[in-house]
Amino acid sequence: MSPLSQHYRQLVGRNQDWVIADIQLDVRNKTLTLPLEFVGDQVVCPESGATCSMKDHVE
């Protein structure tokens, strides 16, 4: 991971389970877009606290 990606990940407050997939800087419109990608195995539900996978199980 590049030092710039590490810097942005710290700014947005994500742990090692998330990576910044791209850095899109638009100086003219003064915007910065940081698409995130989940690379971990398990996540914690913010409502119940249960651990589960990020896979979608819908048919």
Protein backbone atom coordinates (compact mmCIF):
# COMPACT_ATOMS: atom_id res chain seq x y z
CA MET A 1 0.00 0.00 0.00
CA SER A 2 1.33 3.40 -0.92
CA PRO A 3 2.06 5.98 1.79
CA LEU A 4 -0.65 8.23 0.28
CA SER A 5 -3.26 5.45 0.51
CA GLN A 6 -2.21 4.78 4.11
CA HIS A 7 -2.57 8.48 4.90
CA TYR A 8 -6.09 8.66 3.44
CA ARG A 9 -7.15 5.45 5.20
CA GLN A 10 -6.12 6.98 8.51
CA LEU A 11 -8.03 10.16 7.67
CA VAL A 12 -11.27 8.30 6.96
CA GLY A 13 -10.77 6.12 10.05
CA ARG A 14 -10.85 2.62 8.54
CA ASN A 15 -8.95 -0.43 9.77
CA GLN A 16 -6.95 -3.02 7.82
CA ASP A 17 -10.16 -4.70 6.57
CA TRP A 18 -10.71 -1.77 4.19
CA VAL A 19 -8.48 -0.44 1.44
CA ILE A 20 -8.79 2.66 -0.68
CA ALA A 21 -9.44 1.30 -4.17
CA ASP A 22 -8.66 4.57 -5.94
CA ILE A 23 -7.86 8.22 -5.27
CA GLN A 24 -9.82 10.63 -7.44
CA LEU A 25 -8.77 14.25 -6.96
CA ASP A 26 -10.69 16.91 -8.87
CA VAL A 27 -8.85 20.18 -8.19
CA ARG A 28 -11.17 22.22 -10.40
CA ASN A 29 -14.29 21.19 -8.47
CA LYS A 30 -12.41 20.88 -5.16
CA THR A 31 -13.48 17.28 -4.52
CA LEU A 32 -11.69 14.17 -3.36
CA THR A 33 -13.33 10.77 -3.89
CA LEU A 34 -11.95 7.72 -2.09
CA PRO A 35 -13.80 4.52 -3.10
CA LEU A 36 -13.35 1.90 -0.37
CA GLU A 37 -13.06 -1.85 -0.89
CA PHE A 38 -13.65 -4.44 1.83
CA VAL A 39 -10.87 -7.04 1.92
CA GLY A 40 -11.53 -8.57 5.34
CA ASP A 41 -13.34 -11.78 6.22
CA GLN A 42 -15.87 -10.73 8.85
CA VAL A 43 -17.73 -7.56 9.83
CA VAL A 44 -19.67 -6.59 12.94
CA CYS A 45 -23.31 -5.57 12.60
CA PRO A 46 -23.70 -2.04 14.04
CA GLU A 47 -27.21 -2.87 15.33
CA SER A 48 -26.87 -6.34 16.90
CA GLY A 49 -23.10 -6.62 17.37
CA ALA A 50 -23.17 -10.01 15.61
CA THR A 51 -20.23 -11.05 13.44
CA CYS A 52 -21.04 -12.02 9.86
CA SER A 53 -19.53 -12.17 6.39
CA MET A 54 -19.87 -9.41 3.80
CA LYS A 55 -21.24 -11.86 1.22
CA ASP A 56 -24.71 -11.32 -0.17
CA HIS A 57 -26.75 -14.50 0.25
CA VAL A 58 -29.75 -13.46 -1.82
CA GLU A 59 -30.70 -15.89 -4.61
